[in-house]
Amino acid sequence: MPKSSMTTNRTQYESVMTNEAGEAAAEDAAAVEAAVLEVEHDLVVNDLEALLAERDSYKDIAQRLQADFDNYRKRVAAQLTDEVQRATGRIAEALLPVLDTCEAAFVQHPAEVEPIFNSLLGELRKLGLEAMNLHEQPFDPALAEAVVHEAPDNDSSEGSEPIVSEVLRSGYTWNGRVLRAAVVKVKG
């Protein structure tokens, strides 16, 4: 073989070897780059999962705080309503002697006292005061205080429960609770 053709073959061989080595190096570089990308992808996924977990934790804390605040607001509103009810109940209780006086005056002079008595009682009713109607009702110690006991009528049975025969002092409720028990005479 002539020297020039050997040189050509050698050049071609080196060229082929260089190409193969370059392709192998390129394949190795691509494999390394793919591995690096996979590792980076895994890190990003892990970071994303950690951030999502942290976000969910903060969201849970925020929801709990919101619920606690709502419960606190409702509790304070209920306490405020109760305080207002108690304060107005104390005012109504302070006016009970005035009602008793008006009621006694009404018995003596109905025409003169009736407008004032009805007006006072009407305004207090709007706020929650109710007079208890216990006459001829079964005696209930939660609503009335019995100060006089009468013997039962001859025609009534001895085992029957006591009945309020006369109301000596009116009793009142304030928004459903007893403000002042009535003083009554009981028969039976």
Protein backbone atom coordinates (compact mmCIF):
# COMPACT_ATOMS: atom_id res chain seq x y z
CA MET A 1 0.00 0.00 0.00
CA PRO A 2 1.31 3.32 -0.88
CA LYS A 3 2.06 5.73 1.81
CA SER A 4 -0.55 8.28 0.78
CA SER A 5 -3.31 5.74 0.86
CA MET A 6 -2.14 4.61 4.25
CA THR A 7 -2.25 8.15 5.43
CA THR A 8 -5.72 8.50 4.02
CA ASN A 9 -6.86 5.31 5.71
CA ARG A 10 -5.26 6.35 8.94
CA THR A 11 -6.95 9.73 8.74
CA GLN A 12 -10.23 8.08 8.03
CA TYR A 13 -9.67 5.63 10.91
CA GLU A 14 -8.80 8.45 13.29
CA SER A 15 -11.78 10.38 12.05
CA VAL A 16 -14.06 7.39 12.65
CA MET A 17 -12.53 6.81 16.06
CA THR A 18 -12.84 10.46 16.95
CA ASN A 19 -16.46 10.43 15.82
CA GLU A 20 -17.15 7.29 17.82
CA ALA A 21 -15.35 8.70 20.85
CA GLY A 22 -17.24 11.97 20.41
CA GLU A 23 -20.52 10.13 20.12
CA ALA A 24 -19.67 8.05 23.21
CA ALA A 25 -18.68 11.20 25.06
CA ALA A 26 -21.88 12.89 23.90
CA GLU A 27 -23.90 9.89 25.04
CA ASP A 28 -22.10 9.94 28.41
CA ALA A 29 -22.69 13.69 28.72
CA ALA A 30 -26.37 13.22 27.85
CA ALA A 31 -26.64 10.44 30.45
CA VAL A 32 -24.95 12.61 33.07
CA GLU A 33 -27.19 15.55 32.16
CA ALA A 34 -30.29 13.31 32.37
CA ALA A 35 -29.17 12.07 35.79
CA VAL A 36 -28.56 15.64 36.95
CA LEU A 37 -31.99 16.69 35.66
CA GLU A 38 -33.60 13.73 37.42
CA VAL A 39 -31.90 14.63 40.71
CA GLU A 40 -32.89 18.29 40.29
CA HIS A 41 -36.46 17.20 39.48
CA ASP A 42 -36.57 15.05 42.63
CA LEU A 43 -35.27 17.98 44.70
CA VAL A 44 -37.88 20.32 43.22
CA VAL A 45 -40.63 17.76 43.86
CA ASN A 46 -39.44 17.30 47.46
CA ASP A 47 -39.27 21.08 47.98
CA LEU A 48 -42.73 21.46 46.46
CA GLU A 49 -44.15 18.75 48.73
CA ALA A 50 -42.56 20.41 51.77
CA LEU A 51 -43.96 23.80 50.76
CA LEU A 52 -47.43 22.31 50.21
CA ALA A 53 -47.30 20.62 53.62
CA GLU A 54 -46.21 23.88 55.23
CA ARG A 55 -48.99 25.75 53.42
CA ASP A 56 -51.56 23.21 54.60
CA SER A 57 -50.24 23.53 58.16
CA TYR A 58 -50.58 27.34 58.07
CA LYS A 59 -54.02 27.03 56.48
CA ASP A 60 -55.11 24.68 59.29
CA ILE A 61 -53.79 27.12 61.91
CA ALA A 62 -55.61 30.01 60.23
CA GLN A 63 -58.88 28.06 60.11
CA ARG A 64 -58.59 27.13 63.79
CA LEU A 65 -57.87 30.73 64.75
CA GLN A 66 -60.86 31.88 62.69
CA ALA A 67 -63.11 29.32 64.40
CA ASP A 68 -61.78 30.32 67.84
CA PHE A 69 -62.41 33.98 67.04
CA ASP A 70 -65.95 33.25 65.83
CA ASN A 71 -66.66 31.28 69.02
CA TYR A 72 -65.20 34.11 71.11
CA ARG A 73 -67.32 36.69 69.28
CA LYS A 74 -70.49 34.63 69.82
CA ARG A 75 -69.66 34.05 73.49
CA VAL A 76 -69.04 37.77 74.07
CA ALA A 77 -72.29 38.68 72.28
CA ALA A 78 -74.21 36.18 74.44
CA GLN A 79 -72.57 37.51 77.61
CA LEU A 80 -73.41 41.07 76.59
CA THR A 81 -77.03 40.10 75.96
CA ASP A 82 -77.19 38.36 79.34
CA GLU A 83 -75.71 41.40 81.08
CA VAL A 84 -78.24 43.70 79.41
CA GLN A 85 -81.07 41.34 80.43
CA ARG A 86 -79.83 41.25 84.03
CA ALA A 87 -79.48 45.05 84.16
CA THR A 88 -82.95 45.66 82.79
CA GLY A 89 -84.27 42.96 85.14
CA ARG A 90 -82.77 44.86 88.09
CA ILE A 91 -84.47 48.04 86.89
CA ALA A 92 -87.78 46.23 86.58
CA GLU A 93 -87.27 44.70 90.02
CA ALA A 94 -86.64 48.18 91.44
CA LEU A 95 -89.96 49.30 89.92
CA LEU A 96 -91.96 46.47 91.52
CA PRO A 97 -92.74 48.50 94.69
CA VAL A 98 -94.10 51.24 92.41
CA LEU A 99 -96.28 48.64 90.68
CA ASP A 100 -97.46 47.37 94.08
CA THR A 101 -98.38 50.91 95.13
CA CYS A 102 -100.21 51.53 91.85
CA GLU A 103 -102.05 48.23 92.24
CA ALA A 104 -103.11 49.12 95.80
CA ALA A 105 -104.22 52.58 94.67
CA PHE A 106 -106.09 51.01 91.75
CA VAL A 107 -108.12 48.90 94.18
CA GLN A 108 -109.10 52.05 96.13
CA HIS A 109 -109.53 54.50 93.20
CA PRO A 110 -109.69 52.61 89.91
CA ALA A 111 -110.74 55.53 87.70
CA GLU A 112 -107.93 57.84 88.82
CA VAL A 113 -105.07 55.33 88.88
CA GLU A 114 -105.94 53.03 85.97
CA PRO A 115 -104.30 55.12 83.19
CA ILE A 116 -100.99 55.42 85.06
CA PHE A 117 -101.01 51.79 86.22
CA ASN A 118 -101.83 50.44 82.73
CA SER A 119 -99.22 52.69 81.11
CA LEU A 120 -96.48 51.60 83.51
CA LEU A 121 -97.43 47.95 83.25
CA GLY A 122 -97.69 48.18 79.44
CA GLU A 123 -94.22 49.65 79.03
CA LEU A 124 -92.70 47.04 81.33
CA ARG A 125 -94.50 44.28 79.40
CA LYS A 126 -92.83 45.48 76.20
CA LEU A 127 -89.48 44.91 77.88
CA GLY A 128 -90.34 41.42 79.14
CA LEU A 129 -92.21 41.80 82.45
CA GLU A 130 -95.24 39.58 82.89
CA ALA A 131 -97.62 39.41 85.84
CA MET A 132 -98.31 35.84 86.96
CA ASN A 133 -101.95 34.82 87.00
CA LEU A 134 -102.04 32.24 89.78
CA HIS A 135 -105.61 32.64 91.09
CA GLU A 136 -107.40 29.25 91.20
CA GLN A 137 -104.26 27.55 89.81
CA PRO A 138 -102.43 24.64 91.47
CA PHE A 139 -99.89 25.92 93.99
CA ASP A 140 -96.31 25.89 92.69
CA PRO A 141 -93.63 26.80 95.26
CA ALA A 142 -91.31 27.92 92.44
CA LEU A 143 -93.80 30.66 91.49
CA ALA A 144 -95.43 31.60 94.77
CA GLU A 145 -94.90 31.81 98.49
CA ALA A 146 -97.82 30.54 100.56
CA VAL A 147 -98.31 32.64 103.70
CA VAL A 148 -101.85 31.54 104.61
CA HIS A 149 -103.25 28.01 104.45
CA GLU A 150 -107.00 27.34 104.49
CA ALA A 151 -108.68 24.04 105.10
CA PRO A 152 -110.16 22.40 102.01
CA ASP A 153 -113.88 22.70 101.31
CA ASN A 154 -116.02 19.87 102.59
CA ASP A 155 -116.97 18.77 99.09
CA SER A 156 -113.36 18.56 97.83
CA SER A 157 -111.30 15.43 98.28
CA GLU A 158 -108.55 15.42 100.91
CA GLY A 159 -105.91 13.99 98.53
CA SER A 160 -106.13 16.86 96.04
CA GLU A 161 -103.27 19.27 95.60
CA PRO A 162 -103.42 22.77 97.12
CA ILE A 163 -105.00 25.53 95.02
CA VAL A 164 -104.21 29.26 95.17
CA SER A 165 -107.37 30.82 96.57
CA GLU A 166 -106.18 34.43 96.75
CA VAL A 167 -103.17 36.42 95.53
CA LEU A 168 -102.02 38.77 98.28
CA ARG A 169 -99.12 40.29 96.33
CA SER A 170 -98.63 39.88 92.59
CA GLY A 171 -95.71 37.89 91.30
CA TYR A 172 -93.82 38.76 88.11
CA THR A 173 -91.62 37.03 85.57
CA TRP A 174 -88.93 38.74 83.54
CA ASN A 175 -88.28 37.18 80.14
CA GLY A 176 -89.44 33.80 81.36
CA ARG A 177 -87.69 33.65 84.74
CA VAL A 178 -89.30 34.45 88.07
CA LEU A 179 -88.43 38.01 89.06
CA ARG A 180 -90.50 38.00 92.23
CA ALA A 181 -92.60 35.17 93.60
CA ALA A 182 -96.23 35.92 94.37
CA VAL A 183 -97.50 35.91 97.95
CA VAL A 184 -100.65 33.79 98.08
CA LYS A 185 -103.30 32.19 100.24
CA VAL A 186 -103.62 28.46 99.60
CA LYS A 187 -106.62 26.23 100.07
CA GLY A 188 -106.21 22.53 100.56
